[in-house]
């Protein structure tokens, strides 16, 4: 009987997390902040993947609206000996017309948790306490939790043209995965 109650409780908690993730995914909190932080995604031989390109294009639009004086791109090499996500993101934004001096590339992190921790260190070193977090909608609930744990207030800015969010099955699967990861986060299982 206790097992059934535990199972039902865990199921209810995951359902509530899924709902919270989907609600956050639909809410754009864009406002003035100390920086825009673009969460990394795959790059292929120095070119951003469609998912990463959509994130970078959204960050460029936020920059046009002058929401923040600094943009941080994140992401390590993922095993690529020549390119990093953060470096590819920085180069892409420079080619989009954003001055190089306003972009900082974090190039060592390999996971979302590491992206956020490294970006938070960069922000704190500059006296920054707020950021606009740019990623796919399903990703932002967890990103905000992680930034809060690092002492940074993150406002979510979901990518409107996210290839993942545009496809219903992909959106659901990614959101379910996020609910599981967030459940582990709340249980203090992090990595």
N, C-alpha and C. Protein backbone atom coordinates (compact mmCIF):
# COMPACT_ATOMS: atom_id res chain seq x y z
N UNK A 1 0.81 -1.20 0.00
CA UNK A 1 0.00 0.00 0.00
C UNK A 1 0.86 1.27 0.00
N UNK A 2 1.95 1.26 0.79
CA UNK A 2 2.83 2.43 0.84
C UNK A 2 3.49 2.66 -0.52
N UNK A 3 3.81 1.56 -1.21
CA UNK A 3 4.43 1.68 -2.53
C UNK A 3 3.47 2.35 -3.51
N UNK A 4 2.22 1.99 -3.46
CA UNK A 4 1.22 2.59 -4.35
C UNK A 4 1.07 4.07 -4.06
N UNK A 5 1.03 4.44 -2.79
CA UNK A 5 0.92 5.85 -2.41
C UNK A 5 2.15 6.63 -2.88
N UNK A 6 3.32 6.03 -2.71
CA UNK A 6 4.55 6.68 -3.16
C UNK A 6 4.54 6.85 -4.68
N UNK A 7 4.12 5.81 -5.40
CA UNK A 7 4.06 5.86 -6.86
C UNK A 7 3.08 6.93 -7.33
N UNK A 8 1.90 6.99 -6.71
CA UNK A 8 0.91 8.00 -7.08
C UNK A 8 1.40 9.41 -6.75
N UNK A 9 2.06 9.56 -5.61
CA UNK A 9 2.62 10.86 -5.24
C UNK A 9 3.68 11.33 -6.20
N UNK A 10 4.57 10.41 -6.61
CA UNK A 10 5.62 10.76 -7.57
C UNK A 10 5.00 11.12 -8.92
N UNK A 11 3.98 10.38 -9.32
CA UNK A 11 3.30 10.67 -10.58
C UNK A 11 2.65 12.04 -10.56
N UNK A 12 2.01 12.38 -9.44
CA UNK A 12 1.37 13.69 -9.32
C UNK A 12 2.41 14.80 -9.35
N UNK A 13 3.53 14.58 -8.67
CA UNK A 13 4.59 15.59 -8.66
C UNK A 13 5.14 15.80 -10.07
N UNK A 14 5.36 14.74 -10.81
CA UNK A 14 5.86 14.86 -12.18
C UNK A 14 4.85 15.57 -13.08
N UNK A 15 3.59 15.29 -12.89
CA UNK A 15 2.55 15.97 -13.67
C UNK A 15 2.57 17.47 -13.39
N UNK A 16 2.68 17.84 -12.13
CA UNK A 16 2.73 19.26 -11.77
C UNK A 16 3.98 19.93 -12.33
N UNK A 17 5.10 19.23 -12.31
CA UNK A 17 6.33 19.77 -12.89
C UNK A 17 6.16 19.96 -14.40
N UNK A 18 5.56 18.97 -15.06
CA UNK A 18 5.34 19.08 -16.50
C UNK A 18 4.49 20.31 -16.81
N UNK A 19 3.43 20.52 -16.05
CA UNK A 19 2.58 21.70 -16.26
C UNK A 19 3.35 22.99 -16.04
N UNK A 20 4.17 23.03 -14.99
CA UNK A 20 4.97 24.23 -14.70
C UNK A 20 5.97 24.50 -15.84
N UNK A 21 6.56 23.45 -16.36
CA UNK A 21 7.51 23.58 -17.47
C UNK A 21 6.82 24.14 -18.70
N UNK A 22 5.64 23.62 -19.01
CA UNK A 22 4.90 24.09 -20.19
C UNK A 22 4.39 25.53 -20.00
N UNK A 23 4.00 25.88 -18.78
CA UNK A 23 3.57 27.26 -18.52
C UNK A 23 4.74 28.22 -18.69
N UNK A 24 5.91 27.85 -18.16
CA UNK A 24 7.09 28.69 -18.32
C UNK A 24 7.48 28.80 -19.79
N UNK A 25 7.34 27.73 -20.53
CA UNK A 25 7.72 27.71 -21.95
C UNK A 25 6.91 28.72 -22.77
N UNK A 26 5.72 29.02 -22.32
CA UNK A 26 4.85 29.93 -23.08
C UNK A 26 4.94 31.38 -22.60
N UNK A 27 5.79 31.63 -21.62
CA UNK A 27 5.85 32.98 -21.02
C UNK A 27 7.19 33.65 -21.35
N UNK A 28 7.13 34.74 -22.09
CA UNK A 28 8.33 35.52 -22.40
C UNK A 28 8.45 36.63 -21.37
N UNK A 29 9.50 36.59 -20.58
CA UNK A 29 9.72 37.56 -19.51
C UNK A 29 10.77 38.61 -19.89
N UNK A 30 10.98 38.81 -21.18
CA UNK A 30 12.03 39.73 -21.64
C UNK A 30 11.87 41.11 -21.01
N UNK A 31 12.96 41.61 -20.49
CA UNK A 31 13.05 42.94 -19.87
C UNK A 31 14.52 43.31 -19.76
N UNK A 32 14.79 44.52 -19.36
CA UNK A 32 16.18 44.94 -19.17
C UNK A 32 16.84 44.04 -18.13
N UNK A 33 18.08 43.67 -18.44
CA UNK A 33 18.86 42.83 -17.53
C UNK A 33 20.33 43.17 -17.72
N UNK A 34 21.17 42.61 -16.88
CA UNK A 34 22.60 42.84 -16.98
C UNK A 34 23.22 42.13 -18.18
N UNK A 35 22.62 41.03 -18.60
CA UNK A 35 23.18 40.27 -19.72
C UNK A 35 22.11 39.37 -20.33
N UNK A 36 22.35 38.99 -21.57
CA UNK A 36 21.59 37.93 -22.22
C UNK A 36 22.50 36.72 -22.20
N UNK A 37 21.99 35.59 -21.73
CA UNK A 37 22.77 34.35 -21.71
C UNK A 37 22.12 33.37 -22.67
N UNK A 38 22.89 32.96 -23.68
CA UNK A 38 22.41 32.00 -24.67
C UNK A 38 22.93 30.62 -24.31
N UNK A 39 22.04 29.71 -23.99
CA UNK A 39 22.44 28.36 -23.66
C UNK A 39 22.88 27.63 -24.92
N UNK A 40 23.99 26.94 -24.81
CA UNK A 40 24.57 26.26 -25.95
C UNK A 40 23.72 25.12 -26.48
N UNK A 41 23.95 24.79 -27.71
CA UNK A 41 23.36 23.63 -28.38
C UNK A 41 24.38 23.19 -29.43
N UNK A 42 24.10 22.14 -30.11
CA UNK A 42 25.08 21.56 -31.03
C UNK A 42 25.56 22.55 -32.08
N UNK A 43 26.81 22.35 -32.46
CA UNK A 43 27.39 23.06 -33.61
C UNK A 43 28.03 21.99 -34.48
N UNK A 44 28.03 22.26 -35.76
CA UNK A 44 28.58 21.30 -36.71
C UNK A 44 29.68 21.96 -37.53
N UNK A 45 30.91 21.58 -37.23
CA UNK A 45 32.07 22.08 -37.96
C UNK A 45 32.10 23.61 -38.05
N UNK A 46 31.81 24.24 -36.92
CA UNK A 46 31.87 25.70 -36.85
C UNK A 46 30.59 26.42 -37.21
N UNK A 47 29.53 25.68 -37.47
CA UNK A 47 28.23 26.30 -37.79
C UNK A 47 27.20 25.86 -36.76
N UNK A 48 26.37 26.79 -36.30
CA UNK A 48 25.36 26.41 -35.31
C UNK A 48 24.31 25.47 -35.92
N UNK A 49 23.90 24.50 -35.12
CA UNK A 49 22.80 23.62 -35.53
C UNK A 49 21.53 24.47 -35.67
N UNK A 50 20.48 23.94 -36.28
CA UNK A 50 19.23 24.72 -36.37
C UNK A 50 18.70 25.17 -35.00
N UNK A 51 18.83 24.33 -33.99
CA UNK A 51 18.37 24.70 -32.64
C UNK A 51 19.22 25.84 -32.10
N UNK A 52 20.54 25.74 -32.23
CA UNK A 52 21.43 26.78 -31.72
C UNK A 52 21.26 28.07 -32.52
N UNK A 53 21.13 27.96 -33.82
CA UNK A 53 20.93 29.14 -34.67
C UNK A 53 19.67 29.90 -34.25
N UNK A 54 18.59 29.18 -33.97
CA UNK A 54 17.35 29.83 -33.53
C UNK A 54 17.58 30.59 -32.21
N UNK A 55 18.35 30.00 -31.31
CA UNK A 55 18.66 30.66 -30.03
C UNK A 55 19.49 31.92 -30.28
N UNK A 56 20.49 31.82 -31.12
CA UNK A 56 21.36 32.96 -31.41
C UNK A 56 20.61 34.07 -32.13
N UNK A 57 19.75 33.71 -33.08
CA UNK A 57 18.95 34.72 -33.77
C UNK A 57 18.03 35.44 -32.80
N UNK A 58 17.47 34.70 -31.84
CA UNK A 58 16.61 35.34 -30.84
C UNK A 58 17.43 36.29 -29.97
N UNK A 59 18.63 35.88 -29.58
CA UNK A 59 19.50 36.76 -28.78
C UNK A 59 19.83 38.03 -29.56
N UNK A 60 20.06 37.90 -30.87
CA UNK A 60 20.35 39.08 -31.69
C UNK A 60 19.15 40.02 -31.73
N UNK A 61 17.94 39.48 -31.80
CA UNK A 61 16.74 40.34 -31.76
C UNK A 61 16.59 41.04 -30.41
N UNK A 62 16.92 40.33 -29.34
CA UNK A 62 16.89 40.96 -28.01
C UNK A 62 17.92 42.07 -27.94
N UNK A 63 19.08 41.85 -28.56
CA UNK A 63 20.12 42.87 -28.59
C UNK A 63 19.65 44.10 -29.35
N UNK A 64 18.95 43.91 -30.46
CA UNK A 64 18.42 45.04 -31.22
C UNK A 64 17.48 45.89 -30.37
N UNK A 65 16.78 45.24 -29.45
CA UNK A 65 15.85 45.94 -28.57
C UNK A 65 16.54 46.50 -27.33
N UNK A 66 17.87 46.33 -27.26
CA UNK A 66 18.71 46.90 -26.20
C UNK A 66 18.29 46.46 -24.80
N UNK A 67 18.02 45.16 -24.65
CA UNK A 67 17.65 44.63 -23.34
C UNK A 67 18.85 44.50 -22.40
N UNK A 68 20.06 44.33 -22.94
CA UNK A 68 21.22 44.13 -22.08
C UNK A 68 22.50 44.58 -22.80
N UNK A 69 23.49 45.04 -22.03
CA UNK A 69 24.74 45.49 -22.64
C UNK A 69 25.72 44.36 -22.97
N UNK A 70 25.42 43.15 -22.52
CA UNK A 70 26.35 42.03 -22.66
C UNK A 70 25.60 40.79 -23.10
N UNK A 71 26.24 39.98 -23.95
CA UNK A 71 25.70 38.68 -24.33
C UNK A 71 26.74 37.63 -23.97
N UNK A 72 26.29 36.56 -23.31
CA UNK A 72 27.16 35.45 -22.96
C UNK A 72 26.68 34.23 -23.76
N UNK A 73 27.58 33.65 -24.54
CA UNK A 73 27.28 32.40 -25.23
C UNK A 73 27.96 31.28 -24.46
N UNK A 74 27.30 30.14 -24.35
CA UNK A 74 27.84 29.06 -23.53
C UNK A 74 27.98 27.77 -24.33
N UNK A 75 28.87 26.93 -23.86
CA UNK A 75 28.99 25.58 -24.40
C UNK A 75 30.39 25.21 -24.80
N UNK A 76 30.76 24.01 -24.42
CA UNK A 76 32.09 23.49 -24.72
C UNK A 76 32.17 22.81 -26.07
N UNK A 77 33.15 21.94 -26.20
CA UNK A 77 33.47 21.34 -27.50
C UNK A 77 32.63 20.12 -27.84
N UNK A 78 32.10 19.46 -26.84
CA UNK A 78 31.34 18.25 -27.12
C UNK A 78 32.17 17.23 -27.88
N UNK A 79 33.48 17.26 -27.67
CA UNK A 79 34.36 16.32 -28.35
C UNK A 79 34.95 16.84 -29.65
N UNK A 80 34.52 18.00 -30.10
CA UNK A 80 35.05 18.58 -31.35
C UNK A 80 36.42 19.18 -31.05
N UNK A 81 37.46 18.77 -31.77
CA UNK A 81 38.80 19.28 -31.48
C UNK A 81 39.03 20.72 -31.94
N UNK A 82 38.16 21.27 -32.78
CA UNK A 82 38.40 22.60 -33.33
C UNK A 82 37.44 23.67 -32.85
N UNK A 83 36.19 23.31 -32.55
CA UNK A 83 35.17 24.32 -32.26
C UNK A 83 34.46 24.04 -30.94
N UNK A 84 33.99 25.12 -30.33
CA UNK A 84 33.13 25.01 -29.15
C UNK A 84 31.81 25.69 -29.45
N UNK A 85 30.77 25.29 -28.74
CA UNK A 85 29.47 25.94 -28.92
C UNK A 85 29.55 27.42 -28.58
N UNK A 86 30.19 27.74 -27.44
CA UNK A 86 30.30 29.14 -27.05
C UNK A 86 31.05 29.97 -28.08
N UNK A 87 32.13 29.43 -28.62
CA UNK A 87 32.91 30.15 -29.63
C UNK A 87 32.15 30.31 -30.94
N UNK A 88 31.47 29.27 -31.36
CA UNK A 88 30.66 29.34 -32.59
C UNK A 88 29.54 30.36 -32.40
N UNK A 89 28.93 30.34 -31.22
CA UNK A 89 27.87 31.32 -30.94
C UNK A 89 28.38 32.74 -30.98
N UNK A 90 29.54 32.97 -30.36
CA UNK A 90 30.14 34.31 -30.38
C UNK A 90 30.42 34.75 -31.82
N UNK A 91 31.04 33.88 -32.60
CA UNK A 91 31.37 34.22 -33.99
C UNK A 91 30.12 34.51 -34.81
N UNK A 92 29.09 33.72 -34.61
CA UNK A 92 27.83 33.92 -35.34
C UNK A 92 27.22 35.29 -35.01
N UNK A 93 27.23 35.64 -33.73
CA UNK A 93 26.66 36.94 -33.33
C UNK A 93 27.50 38.11 -33.85
N UNK A 94 28.81 37.95 -33.89
CA UNK A 94 29.68 38.99 -34.46
C UNK A 94 29.35 39.16 -35.94
N UNK A 95 29.20 38.05 -36.65
CA UNK A 95 28.83 38.12 -38.07
C UNK A 95 27.45 38.73 -38.27
N UNK A 96 26.62 38.66 -37.22
CA UNK A 96 25.28 39.26 -37.28
C UNK A 96 25.31 40.76 -37.02
N UNK A 97 26.52 41.28 -36.69
CA UNK A 97 26.67 42.72 -36.50
C UNK A 97 26.78 43.19 -35.07
N UNK A 98 26.82 42.28 -34.11
CA UNK A 98 26.98 42.67 -32.71
C UNK A 98 28.47 42.87 -32.43
N UNK A 99 28.87 43.99 -31.82
CA UNK A 99 30.28 44.24 -31.56
C UNK A 99 30.91 43.14 -30.67
N UNK A 100 32.08 42.70 -31.07
CA UNK A 100 32.78 41.62 -30.35
C UNK A 100 32.99 41.94 -28.88
N UNK A 101 33.21 43.21 -28.56
CA UNK A 101 33.45 43.61 -27.17
C UNK A 101 32.25 43.45 -26.26
N UNK A 102 31.08 43.20 -26.83
CA UNK A 102 29.86 43.03 -26.02
C UNK A 102 29.47 41.57 -25.86
N UNK A 103 30.33 40.66 -26.38
CA UNK A 103 30.02 39.23 -26.32
C UNK A 103 31.13 38.50 -25.57
N UNK A 104 30.74 37.66 -24.63
CA UNK A 104 31.69 36.82 -23.92
C UNK A 104 31.31 35.38 -24.19
N UNK A 105 32.28 34.58 -24.60
CA UNK A 105 32.04 33.17 -24.87
C UNK A 105 32.57 32.33 -23.72
N UNK A 106 31.71 31.53 -23.16
CA UNK A 106 32.10 30.53 -22.16
C UNK A 106 32.24 29.23 -22.95
N UNK A 107 33.41 28.61 -22.92
CA UNK A 107 33.70 27.51 -23.85
C UNK A 107 34.10 26.19 -23.18
N UNK A 108 33.87 26.05 -21.90
CA UNK A 108 34.31 24.83 -21.21
C UNK A 108 33.15 23.91 -20.80
N UNK A 109 31.98 24.44 -20.62
CA UNK A 109 30.87 23.65 -20.07
C UNK A 109 30.30 22.68 -21.08
N UNK A 110 29.84 21.52 -20.59
CA UNK A 110 29.31 20.48 -21.47
C UNK A 110 27.85 20.13 -21.18
N UNK A 111 27.31 20.59 -20.08
CA UNK A 111 25.92 20.29 -19.72
C UNK A 111 25.19 21.59 -19.38
N UNK A 112 23.88 21.53 -19.31
CA UNK A 112 23.10 22.71 -18.93
C UNK A 112 23.55 23.21 -17.56
N UNK A 113 23.71 22.30 -16.62
CA UNK A 113 24.15 22.68 -15.27
C UNK A 113 25.49 23.41 -15.33
N UNK A 114 26.43 22.89 -16.10
CA UNK A 114 27.73 23.54 -16.23
C UNK A 114 27.61 24.87 -16.98
N UNK A 115 26.75 24.93 -18.01
CA UNK A 115 26.51 26.20 -18.74
C UNK A 115 26.10 27.28 -17.75
N UNK A 116 25.11 26.96 -16.93
CA UNK A 116 24.57 27.95 -16.00
C UNK A 116 25.60 28.34 -14.94
N UNK A 117 26.28 27.37 -14.36
CA UNK A 117 27.28 27.69 -13.33
C UNK A 117 28.39 28.57 -13.89
N UNK A 118 28.88 28.24 -15.09
CA UNK A 118 29.95 29.03 -15.70
C UNK A 118 29.46 30.43 -16.06
N UNK A 119 28.26 30.52 -16.62
CA UNK A 119 27.71 31.84 -16.96
C UNK A 119 27.51 32.67 -15.70
N UNK A 120 27.02 32.05 -14.64
CA UNK A 120 26.81 32.77 -13.38
C UNK A 120 28.14 33.31 -12.83
N UNK A 121 29.20 32.52 -12.92
CA UNK A 121 30.53 33.00 -12.48
C UNK A 121 30.95 34.22 -13.29
N UNK A 122 30.77 34.14 -14.62
CA UNK A 122 31.13 35.28 -15.48
C UNK A 122 30.31 36.52 -15.11
N UNK A 123 29.03 36.32 -14.86
CA UNK A 123 28.17 37.45 -14.52
C UNK A 123 28.57 38.06 -13.18
N UNK A 124 28.75 37.21 -12.17
CA UNK A 124 29.12 37.72 -10.84
C UNK A 124 30.45 38.47 -10.91
N UNK A 125 31.40 38.00 -11.71
CA UNK A 125 32.70 38.67 -11.84
C UNK A 125 32.55 40.08 -12.41
N UNK A 126 31.46 40.32 -13.13
CA UNK A 126 31.20 41.64 -13.71
C UNK A 126 30.19 42.44 -12.87
N UNK A 127 29.84 41.91 -11.71
CA UNK A 127 28.88 42.60 -10.84
C UNK A 127 27.44 42.47 -11.32
N UNK A 128 27.18 41.55 -12.22
CA UNK A 128 25.83 41.36 -12.76
C UNK A 128 25.02 40.44 -11.85
N UNK A 129 23.74 40.75 -11.73
CA UNK A 129 22.88 39.92 -10.88
C UNK A 129 21.61 39.46 -11.60
N UNK A 130 21.41 39.93 -12.84
CA UNK A 130 20.24 39.52 -13.61
C UNK A 130 20.64 39.13 -15.02
N UNK A 131 19.84 38.26 -15.61
CA UNK A 131 20.08 37.91 -17.01
C UNK A 131 18.77 37.53 -17.68
N UNK A 132 18.78 37.63 -19.00
CA UNK A 132 17.73 37.07 -19.83
C UNK A 132 18.27 35.73 -20.32
N UNK A 133 17.63 34.65 -19.94
CA UNK A 133 18.06 33.32 -20.35
C UNK A 133 17.37 32.96 -21.66
N UNK A 134 18.16 32.65 -22.68
CA UNK A 134 17.63 32.32 -24.00
C UNK A 134 17.85 30.83 -24.26
N UNK A 135 16.75 30.14 -24.47
CA UNK A 135 16.80 28.73 -24.84
C UNK A 135 15.44 28.34 -25.38
N UNK A 136 15.29 27.06 -25.68
CA UNK A 136 13.98 26.56 -26.09
C UNK A 136 13.06 26.58 -24.87
N UNK A 137 11.78 26.79 -25.11
CA UNK A 137 10.83 26.95 -24.02
C UNK A 137 10.86 25.85 -22.98
N UNK A 138 10.92 24.60 -23.41
CA UNK A 138 10.90 23.47 -22.47
C UNK A 138 12.05 23.52 -21.48
N UNK A 139 13.11 24.20 -21.81
CA UNK A 139 14.37 24.21 -21.06
C UNK A 139 14.40 25.26 -19.95
N UNK A 140 13.54 26.27 -20.05
CA UNK A 140 13.71 27.48 -19.24
C UNK A 140 13.31 27.33 -17.78
N UNK A 141 12.38 26.48 -17.46
CA UNK A 141 12.00 26.29 -16.05
C UNK A 141 13.23 25.85 -15.25
N UNK A 142 13.93 24.85 -15.76
CA UNK A 142 15.12 24.33 -15.07
C UNK A 142 16.24 25.36 -15.05
N UNK A 143 16.43 26.06 -16.15
CA UNK A 143 17.49 27.07 -16.22
C UNK A 143 17.28 28.13 -15.15
N UNK A 144 16.03 28.56 -14.98
CA UNK A 144 15.76 29.57 -13.94
C UNK A 144 16.06 29.02 -12.54
N UNK A 145 15.72 27.76 -12.30
CA UNK A 145 16.05 27.14 -11.00
C UNK A 145 17.55 27.17 -10.76
N UNK A 146 18.30 26.80 -11.78
CA UNK A 146 19.75 26.72 -11.65
C UNK A 146 20.38 28.10 -11.44
N UNK A 147 19.93 29.09 -12.19
CA UNK A 147 20.46 30.44 -11.98
C UNK A 147 20.13 30.94 -10.57
N UNK A 148 18.93 30.68 -10.10
CA UNK A 148 18.55 31.10 -8.75
C UNK A 148 19.49 30.48 -7.71
N UNK A 149 19.83 29.20 -7.90
CA UNK A 149 20.76 28.53 -6.98
C UNK A 149 22.14 29.16 -7.01
N UNK A 150 22.47 29.84 -8.10
CA UNK A 150 23.77 30.51 -8.25
C UNK A 150 23.71 31.99 -7.85
N UNK A 151 22.55 32.44 -7.39
CA UNK A 151 22.42 33.83 -6.94
C UNK A 151 22.15 34.82 -8.06
N UNK A 152 21.73 34.34 -9.21
CA UNK A 152 21.42 35.20 -10.37
C UNK A 152 19.93 35.11 -10.64
N UNK A 153 19.29 36.26 -10.82
CA UNK A 153 17.88 36.27 -11.21
C UNK A 153 17.80 36.17 -12.72
N UNK A 154 17.19 35.10 -13.19
CA UNK A 154 17.06 34.88 -14.64
C UNK A 154 15.61 35.11 -15.05
N UNK A 155 15.46 35.84 -16.13
CA UNK A 155 14.15 36.03 -16.76
C UNK A 155 14.17 35.19 -18.04
N UNK A 156 13.13 34.45 -18.26
CA UNK A 156 13.08 33.52 -19.39
C UNK A 156 12.67 34.22 -20.67
N UNK A 157 13.38 33.90 -21.75
CA UNK A 157 13.03 34.40 -23.06
C UNK A 157 13.07 33.23 -24.05
N UNK A 158 11.93 32.53 -24.19
CA UNK A 158 11.92 31.35 -25.07
C UNK A 158 12.08 31.73 -26.53
N UNK A 159 12.74 30.85 -27.26
CA UNK A 159 12.98 31.06 -28.69
C UNK A 159 11.67 30.84 -29.45
N UNK A 160 11.16 31.87 -30.13
CA UNK A 160 9.88 31.71 -30.82
C UNK A 160 9.90 30.69 -31.96
N UNK A 161 11.04 30.55 -32.65
CA UNK A 161 11.11 29.62 -33.79
C UNK A 161 11.84 28.34 -33.42
N UNK A 162 11.72 27.89 -32.20
CA UNK A 162 12.41 26.68 -31.77
C UNK A 162 11.96 25.47 -32.60
N UNK A 163 12.92 24.82 -33.27
CA UNK A 163 12.56 23.61 -34.01
C UNK A 163 11.99 22.52 -33.11
N UNK A 164 12.45 22.47 -31.87
CA UNK A 164 11.97 21.45 -30.93
C UNK A 164 10.54 21.76 -30.51
N UNK A 165 10.27 23.00 -30.16
CA UNK A 165 8.93 23.39 -29.71
C UNK A 165 7.91 23.33 -30.85
N UNK A 166 8.35 23.48 -32.09
CA UNK A 166 7.44 23.50 -33.23
C UNK A 166 6.86 22.13 -33.54
N UNK A 167 7.55 21.08 -33.14
CA UNK A 167 7.11 19.72 -33.46
C UNK A 167 6.48 19.10 -32.20
N UNK A 168 5.17 18.80 -32.20
CA UNK A 168 4.47 18.37 -30.98
C UNK A 168 5.09 17.18 -30.25
N UNK A 169 5.48 16.15 -30.95
CA UNK A 169 6.05 14.98 -30.28
C UNK A 169 7.38 15.33 -29.63
N UNK A 170 8.21 16.04 -30.34
CA UNK A 170 9.49 16.47 -29.80
C UNK A 170 9.30 17.35 -28.58
N UNK A 171 8.36 18.30 -28.67
CA UNK A 171 8.07 19.19 -27.55
C UNK A 171 7.66 18.39 -26.31
N UNK A 172 6.77 17.42 -26.49
CA UNK A 172 6.30 16.62 -25.36
C UNK A 172 7.42 15.79 -24.76
N UNK A 173 8.20 15.13 -25.61
CA UNK A 173 9.29 14.29 -25.11
C UNK A 173 10.33 15.10 -24.36
N UNK A 174 10.71 16.25 -24.92
CA UNK A 174 11.69 17.11 -24.23
C UNK A 174 11.13 17.64 -22.91
N UNK A 175 9.85 17.97 -22.89
CA UNK A 175 9.23 18.48 -21.66
C UNK A 175 9.12 17.38 -20.61
N UNK A 176 8.80 16.16 -21.01
CA UNK A 176 8.76 15.05 -20.06
C UNK A 176 10.15 14.78 -19.48
N UNK A 177 11.16 14.83 -20.34
CA UNK A 177 12.54 14.65 -19.86
C UNK A 177 12.90 15.74 -18.85
N UNK A 178 12.51 16.97 -19.16
CA UNK A 178 12.79 18.07 -18.23
C UNK A 178 12.09 17.86 -16.89
N UNK A 179 10.87 17.34 -16.92
CA UNK A 179 10.15 17.09 -15.67
C UNK A 179 10.92 16.08 -14.82
N UNK A 180 11.45 15.05 -15.45
CA UNK A 180 12.24 14.07 -14.70
C UNK A 180 13.51 14.70 -14.15
N UNK A 181 14.20 15.48 -14.97
CA UNK A 181 15.45 16.13 -14.52
C UNK A 181 15.15 17.12 -13.39
N UNK A 182 14.07 17.87 -13.52
CA UNK A 182 13.71 18.82 -12.46
C UNK A 182 13.35 18.09 -11.17
N UNK A 183 12.68 16.94 -11.30
CA UNK A 183 12.39 16.13 -10.12
C UNK A 183 13.68 15.74 -9.41
N UNK A 184 14.68 15.35 -10.17
CA UNK A 184 15.98 15.01 -9.57
C UNK A 184 16.63 16.24 -8.95
N UNK A 185 16.48 17.39 -9.61
CA UNK A 185 17.03 18.64 -9.07
C UNK A 185 16.43 18.92 -7.68
N UNK A 186 15.12 18.78 -7.57
CA UNK A 186 14.46 19.02 -6.30
C UNK A 186 14.91 18.00 -5.24
N UNK A 187 15.31 16.83 -5.68
CA UNK A 187 15.83 15.83 -4.74
C UNK A 187 17.33 16.03 -4.50
N UNK A 188 17.88 17.11 -5.05
CA UNK A 188 19.28 17.50 -4.90
C UNK A 188 20.24 16.53 -5.60
N UNK A 189 19.77 15.90 -6.65
CA UNK A 189 20.63 15.06 -7.48
C UNK A 189 20.96 15.91 -8.70
N UNK A 190 22.18 16.45 -8.72
CA UNK A 190 22.55 17.45 -9.74
C UNK A 190 23.78 17.01 -10.50
N UNK A 191 23.86 17.51 -11.73
CA UNK A 191 25.05 17.20 -12.52
C UNK A 191 24.90 17.64 -13.93
